[in-house]
Amino acid sequence: MFAVTGMTGQVGAAVADHLLKDGAEIRAVVRNPERAAVWKARGCELAVADMSDAPSLTSAFKGAEAVFLVIPPLFDPAPGFPEVKGMLATLKTALEAAKPGKLVCLSTVGAQSTQPNLLSQLGIVEKELSTLPIPVAFLRAAWFMENAAWDVAPARESGIIPSFLQPLDRAVPMIAVDDIGALGAKMLREDWRGVRVAELEAQARVSPAMVAAAFAKALGNPVSAQMVPRESWEELFRAQGMKNPEPRMRMLDGFNEGWIDFEGGREKSLKGTTTIETAIRRLVAGA
């Protein structure tokens, strides 16, 4: 039996879907069982647990052959990342008590970067969970192609998509969520000792201009990308309600300046099969 967190989100759902297609038994670890009704209908056991509650997590993880862990994303963390540090203390307590067979944790491209930014939270996660007395693997995923879901409406309505990734012809590592799910499900079934890292991106790196071209093809109308000026970011993010936009801004700088990349580089990363054209076509169809 595999215990999977994050099944009401993108990656956990993709991992679970691939496991179910292979006939695996799944325990869906969720906060809100009502939101997970679709998984119960597909035969999954539900375990109600909260990332701040060690006893409920211990119960959810106990007896699992493996756990797939998705740390809830936090886009506006307080300075020093106290939120993720507190969550990690609870998770470590639960995992040490439950003693599942192994752990696969979703991480990110650039988790190893020494320059502070939003993705540093996953670097902290990797450091802390690496000390667990069970086999641990980190699946470092590239920028999600599905982040372009925010661009469907402007692409359709105005033919212009705003881009924080720049310059517009700079290609960065991206990956489709379904490819993450396929690799995550595969890793849960594998055996290893100690700590391992898998870095995953698409066959080709993707630029904002390529995203715009994919939208144009999917919509049948001209679409272009337009840079959001760097000097406007802080005011824009604060207007959206962010209290501490600096980590997010530095993350974007890291992609744009090239210091956020895979530790092993493009040559050593694993490759997914989904193209940006396929990913955008799915987003447009589902909007």
Protein backbone atom coordinates (compact mmCIF):
# COMPACT_ATOMS: atom_id res chain seq x y z
CA MET A 1 0.00 0.00 0.00
CA PHE A 2 1.24 3.47 -0.93
CA ALA A 3 0.37 6.55 1.14
CA VAL A 4 0.11 9.60 -1.10
CA THR A 5 -0.23 13.20 0.05
CA GLY A 6 -1.38 16.10 -2.12
CA MET A 7 -3.98 14.08 -4.02
CA THR A 8 -6.37 17.03 -4.15
CA GLY A 9 -3.63 18.95 -5.97
CA GLN A 10 -1.82 18.40 -9.25
CA VAL A 11 1.21 16.23 -8.53
CA GLY A 12 -0.27 13.96 -5.85
CA ALA A 13 -3.23 13.33 -8.16
CA ALA A 14 -0.95 12.46 -11.07
CA VAL A 15 1.10 10.05 -8.95
CA ALA A 16 -2.05 8.39 -7.63
CA ASP A 17 -3.53 8.10 -11.11
CA HIS A 18 -0.46 6.28 -12.42
CA LEU A 19 -0.39 3.97 -9.39
CA LEU A 20 -4.07 3.11 -9.79
CA LYS A 21 -3.57 2.31 -13.46
CA ASP A 22 -0.96 -0.22 -12.34
CA GLY A 23 -3.38 -1.77 -9.84
CA ALA A 24 -1.75 -0.42 -6.68
CA GLU A 25 -3.50 0.05 -3.37
CA ILE A 26 -3.48 3.69 -2.26
CA ARG A 27 -4.14 5.50 0.97
CA ALA A 28 -5.03 9.10 0.17
CA VAL A 29 -3.70 11.38 2.90
CA VAL A 30 -6.00 14.40 2.88
CA ARG A 31 -7.13 17.26 5.10
CA ASN A 32 -10.65 17.44 3.70
CA PRO A 33 -12.25 14.06 2.91
CA GLU A 34 -15.07 15.74 0.98
CA ARG A 35 -12.59 17.06 -1.57
CA ALA A 36 -11.20 13.52 -1.94
CA ALA A 37 -14.52 11.84 -2.66
CA VAL A 38 -13.45 11.10 -6.24
CA TRP A 39 -10.49 9.09 -4.93
CA LYS A 40 -12.65 7.13 -2.53
CA ALA A 41 -14.93 6.32 -5.46
CA ARG A 42 -11.90 4.96 -7.31
CA GLY A 43 -11.14 2.57 -4.45
CA CYS A 44 -8.62 4.53 -2.40
CA GLU A 45 -8.57 4.39 1.37
CA LEU A 46 -8.84 7.85 2.93
CA ALA A 47 -6.71 8.98 5.86
CA VAL A 48 -7.55 12.40 7.29
CA ALA A 49 -4.39 14.14 8.48
CA ASP A 50 -2.92 17.61 8.80
CA MET A 51 0.70 18.62 8.19
CA SER A 52 0.71 20.28 11.61
CA ASP A 53 -0.54 17.21 13.49
CA ALA A 54 2.02 14.45 14.09
CA PRO A 55 -0.40 11.80 15.49
CA SER A 56 -2.72 11.95 12.47
CA LEU A 57 0.23 11.85 10.07
CA THR A 58 1.76 8.92 11.93
CA SER A 59 -1.47 6.98 11.56
CA ALA A 60 -1.69 7.91 7.87
CA PHE A 61 1.87 6.77 7.11
CA LYS A 62 1.92 3.63 9.29
CA GLY A 63 2.06 0.35 7.39
CA ALA A 64 2.82 1.99 4.05
CA GLU A 65 5.24 0.34 1.65
CA ALA A 66 6.18 3.87 0.62
CA VAL A 67 5.02 7.46 1.12
CA PHE A 68 4.82 10.10 -1.57
CA LEU A 69 5.14 13.50 0.07
CA VAL A 70 4.12 16.83 -1.39
CA ILE A 71 4.97 19.79 0.84
CA PRO A 72 2.08 22.29 0.54
CA PRO A 73 3.33 25.22 -1.57
CA LEU A 74 3.89 28.50 0.22
CA PHE A 75 4.35 31.45 -2.13
CA ASP A 76 4.57 34.22 0.48
CA PRO A 77 6.67 32.82 3.33
CA ALA A 78 7.86 34.82 6.30
CA PRO A 79 11.59 35.69 6.40
CA GLY A 80 13.65 32.65 7.33
CA PHE A 81 10.92 30.20 6.22
CA PRO A 82 9.55 29.40 9.72
CA GLU A 83 6.42 27.82 8.22
CA VAL A 84 8.20 25.03 6.37
CA LYS A 85 10.60 24.46 9.28
CA GLY A 86 7.67 23.94 11.65
CA MET A 87 6.00 21.57 9.19
CA LEU A 88 9.21 19.58 8.81
CA ALA A 89 9.50 19.03 12.55
CA THR A 90 6.02 17.51 12.57
CA LEU A 91 6.67 15.40 9.47
CA LYS A 92 9.93 14.01 10.82
CA THR A 93 8.24 13.04 14.08
CA ALA A 94 5.48 11.24 12.17
CA LEU A 95 7.77 9.48 9.70
CA GLU A 96 10.16 8.33 12.41
CA ALA A 97 7.25 6.93 14.39
CA ALA A 98 5.40 5.34 11.45
CA LYS A 99 8.51 3.85 9.81
CA PRO A 100 7.17 3.44 6.26
CA GLY A 101 9.31 1.39 3.90
CA LYS A 102 10.63 4.42 2.03
CA LEU A 103 9.86 8.03 1.18
CA VAL A 104 9.68 9.86 -2.15
CA CYS A 105 9.40 13.62 -1.73
CA LEU A 106 8.58 16.15 -4.43
CA SER A 107 11.36 18.73 -4.65
CA THR A 108 12.38 21.25 -7.28
CA VAL A 109 14.96 22.29 -9.80
CA GLY A 110 17.39 24.56 -7.97
CA ALA A 111 16.82 23.06 -4.52
CA GLN A 112 20.60 22.90 -4.14
CA SER A 113 21.13 26.60 -4.97
CA THR A 114 23.09 28.55 -2.38
CA GLN A 115 21.41 31.87 -3.27
CA PRO A 116 18.32 32.48 -1.09
CA ASN A 117 15.04 32.43 -3.01
CA LEU A 118 11.55 30.92 -2.83
CA LEU A 119 12.84 27.47 -3.77
CA SER A 120 15.20 27.48 -0.78
CA GLN A 121 12.27 26.02 1.14
CA LEU A 122 12.76 22.74 -0.73
CA GLY A 123 16.48 22.87 -0.03
CA ILE A 124 15.61 22.95 3.67
CA VAL A 125 13.21 20.06 3.14
CA GLU A 126 15.90 17.97 1.46
CA LYS A 127 18.44 18.66 4.19
CA GLU A 128 16.08 17.76 7.01
CA LEU A 129 14.44 14.69 5.52
CA SER A 130 17.80 13.27 4.41
CA THR A 131 18.47 12.39 8.05
CA LEU A 132 15.51 9.98 8.30
CA PRO A 133 16.41 6.34 9.08
CA ILE A 134 14.60 5.07 5.95
CA PRO A 135 15.42 5.22 2.23
CA VAL A 136 14.59 8.71 0.97
CA ALA A 137 14.39 10.03 -2.59
CA PHE A 138 13.85 13.56 -3.82
CA LEU A 139 12.15 14.11 -7.18
CA ARG A 140 13.41 17.49 -8.35
CA ALA A 141 10.91 18.70 -10.93
CA ALA A 142 11.38 21.57 -13.38
CA TRP A 143 9.06 24.57 -13.77
CA PHE A 144 5.53 23.19 -14.29
CA MET A 145 4.20 23.63 -17.81
CA GLU A 146 0.79 23.83 -16.16
CA ASN A 147 1.75 27.17 -14.60
CA ALA A 148 0.63 28.51 -17.98
CA ALA A 149 -2.97 27.90 -16.92
CA TRP A 150 -2.92 31.53 -15.73
CA ASP A 151 -2.20 32.57 -19.32
CA VAL A 152 -5.15 30.87 -21.02
CA ALA A 153 -7.55 33.79 -20.49
CA PRO A 154 -5.21 36.60 -21.59
CA ALA A 155 -3.99 34.53 -24.54
CA ARG A 156 -7.57 34.02 -25.70
CA GLU A 157 -8.86 37.51 -24.91
CA SER A 158 -5.98 39.81 -25.82
CA GLY A 159 -3.42 37.65 -27.61
CA ILE A 160 -0.76 38.76 -25.11
CA ILE A 161 0.60 36.75 -22.19
CA PRO A 162 2.65 38.53 -19.50
CA SER A 163 5.99 36.92 -18.70
CA PHE A 164 8.15 37.14 -15.61
CA LEU A 165 10.54 34.74 -17.32
CA GLN A 166 12.82 36.82 -19.51
CA PRO A 167 14.33 37.49 -21.97
CA LEU A 168 11.55 35.98 -24.02
CA ASP A 169 13.86 33.73 -26.03
CA ARG A 170 15.59 32.25 -22.99
CA ALA A 171 14.66 28.58 -22.58
CA VAL A 172 14.37 27.15 -19.06
CA PRO A 173 13.74 23.62 -17.77
CA MET A 174 10.02 22.79 -17.73
CA ILE A 175 8.00 19.61 -17.21
CA ALA A 176 4.39 18.45 -17.43
CA VAL A 177 2.68 17.31 -14.23
CA ASP A 178 1.69 13.98 -15.78
CA ASP A 179 5.36 13.20 -16.39
CA ILE A 180 6.11 13.97 -12.74
CA GLY A 181 3.33 11.61 -11.76
CA ALA A 182 4.71 8.83 -13.95
CA LEU A 183 8.21 9.12 -12.48
CA GLY A 184 6.90 9.49 -8.92
CA ALA A 185 4.85 6.30 -9.23
CA LYS A 186 7.86 4.48 -10.69
CA MET A 187 10.17 5.62 -7.90
CA LEU A 188 7.72 4.47 -5.22
CA ARG A 189 8.05 0.92 -6.57
CA GLU A 190 11.86 0.96 -6.75
CA ASP A 191 14.33 -0.10 -4.08
CA TRP A 192 17.41 1.82 -2.95
CA ARG A 193 19.45 2.58 0.13
CA GLY A 194 20.16 5.91 1.73
CA VAL A 195 19.32 9.12 -0.13
CA ARG A 196 18.89 9.55 -3.88
CA VAL A 197 17.97 12.46 -6.15
CA ALA A 198 16.17 12.33 -9.51
CA GLU A 199 16.02 15.49 -11.64
CA LEU A 200 13.26 15.69 -14.26
CA GLU A 201 12.58 18.00 -17.21
CA ALA A 202 11.08 17.81 -20.70
CA GLN A 203 12.99 16.68 -23.76
CA ALA A 204 13.42 20.33 -24.82
CA ARG A 205 13.77 23.42 -22.68
CA VAL A 206 11.06 26.04 -23.13
CA SER A 207 11.12 29.82 -23.57
CA PRO A 208 8.23 32.28 -23.06
CA ALA A 209 8.21 32.80 -26.84
CA MET A 210 7.70 29.05 -27.29
CA VAL A 211 4.82 29.11 -24.79
CA ALA A 212 3.20 31.93 -26.78
CA ALA A 213 3.67 30.01 -30.03
CA ALA A 214 2.04 26.95 -28.45
CA PHE A 215 -0.95 29.08 -27.40
CA ALA A 216 -1.21 30.54 -30.91
CA LYS A 217 -1.29 27.02 -32.38
CA ALA A 218 -3.86 25.79 -29.86
CA LEU A 219 -6.14 28.82 -30.21
CA GLY A 220 -5.70 29.44 -33.92
CA ASN A 221 -4.96 33.12 -33.24
CA PRO A 222 -1.76 35.18 -32.93
CA VAL A 223 -0.35 35.18 -29.38
CA SER A 224 2.81 36.90 -28.16
CA ALA A 225 4.63 37.07 -24.84
CA GLN A 226 5.30 40.42 -23.19
CA MET A 227 7.89 40.98 -20.47
CA VAL A 228 6.73 42.29 -17.11
CA PRO A 229 9.43 44.85 -16.21
CA ARG A 230 11.63 43.77 -13.29
CA GLU A 231 11.24 47.16 -11.60
CA SER A 232 7.47 46.67 -11.37
CA TRP A 233 7.51 43.26 -9.68
CA GLU A 234 7.57 44.28 -6.03
CA GLU A 235 4.71 46.77 -6.33
CA LEU A 236 2.71 44.28 -8.38
CA PHE A 237 3.22 41.39 -5.94
CA ARG A 238 2.41 43.56 -2.93
CA ALA A 239 -0.75 44.76 -4.65
CA GLN A 240 -1.70 41.08 -4.97
CA GLY A 241 -1.41 40.75 -1.19
CA MET A 242 2.12 39.44 -0.73
CA LYS A 243 3.89 40.61 2.42
CA ASN A 244 7.34 39.27 1.58
CA PRO A 245 7.79 39.22 -2.22
CA GLU A 246 11.61 39.12 -2.16
CA PRO A 247 11.95 35.29 -2.22
CA ARG A 248 9.61 35.02 -5.21
CA MET A 249 11.43 37.79 -7.04
CA ARG A 250 14.80 36.14 -6.41
CA MET A 251 13.44 32.82 -7.68
CA LEU A 252 12.47 34.49 -10.95
CA ASP A 253 15.90 36.15 -11.07
CA GLY A 254 17.44 32.71 -10.66
CA PHE A 255 15.66 31.31 -13.70
CA ASN A 256 16.34 34.44 -15.74
CA GLU A 257 20.01 34.66 -14.78
CA GLY A 258 20.63 30.92 -15.03
CA TRP A 259 21.70 30.13 -11.47
CA ILE A 260 18.57 28.08 -10.87
CA ASP A 261 19.17 24.86 -12.79
CA PHE A 262 19.62 21.18 -12.12
CA GLU A 263 22.59 20.11 -10.07
CA GLY A 264 23.58 17.61 -12.75
CA GLY A 265 22.75 19.95 -15.63
CA ARG A 266 20.68 19.12 -18.67
CA GLU A 267 22.98 16.27 -19.64
CA LYS A 268 22.22 14.21 -16.52
CA SER A 269 18.54 15.03 -15.98
CA LEU A 270 15.79 12.51 -16.68
CA LYS A 271 13.45 13.49 -19.50
CA GLY A 272 9.66 13.48 -19.68
CA THR A 273 7.72 12.88 -22.89
CA THR A 274 5.15 15.71 -22.89
CA THR A 275 5.87 18.68 -25.16
CA ILE A 276 4.88 22.26 -24.42
CA GLU A 277 2.49 22.11 -27.38
CA THR A 278 0.68 19.14 -25.85
CA ALA A 279 0.56 20.72 -22.41
CA ILE A 280 -0.85 24.01 -23.71
CA ARG A 281 -3.38 22.22 -25.88
CA ARG A 282 -4.66 20.37 -22.80
CA LEU A 283 -4.88 23.61 -20.81
CA VAL A 284 -6.85 25.34 -23.56
CA ALA A 285 -9.19 22.37 -23.94
CA GLY A 286 -9.82 22.21 -20.21
CA ALA A 287 -10.35 25.93 -19.63
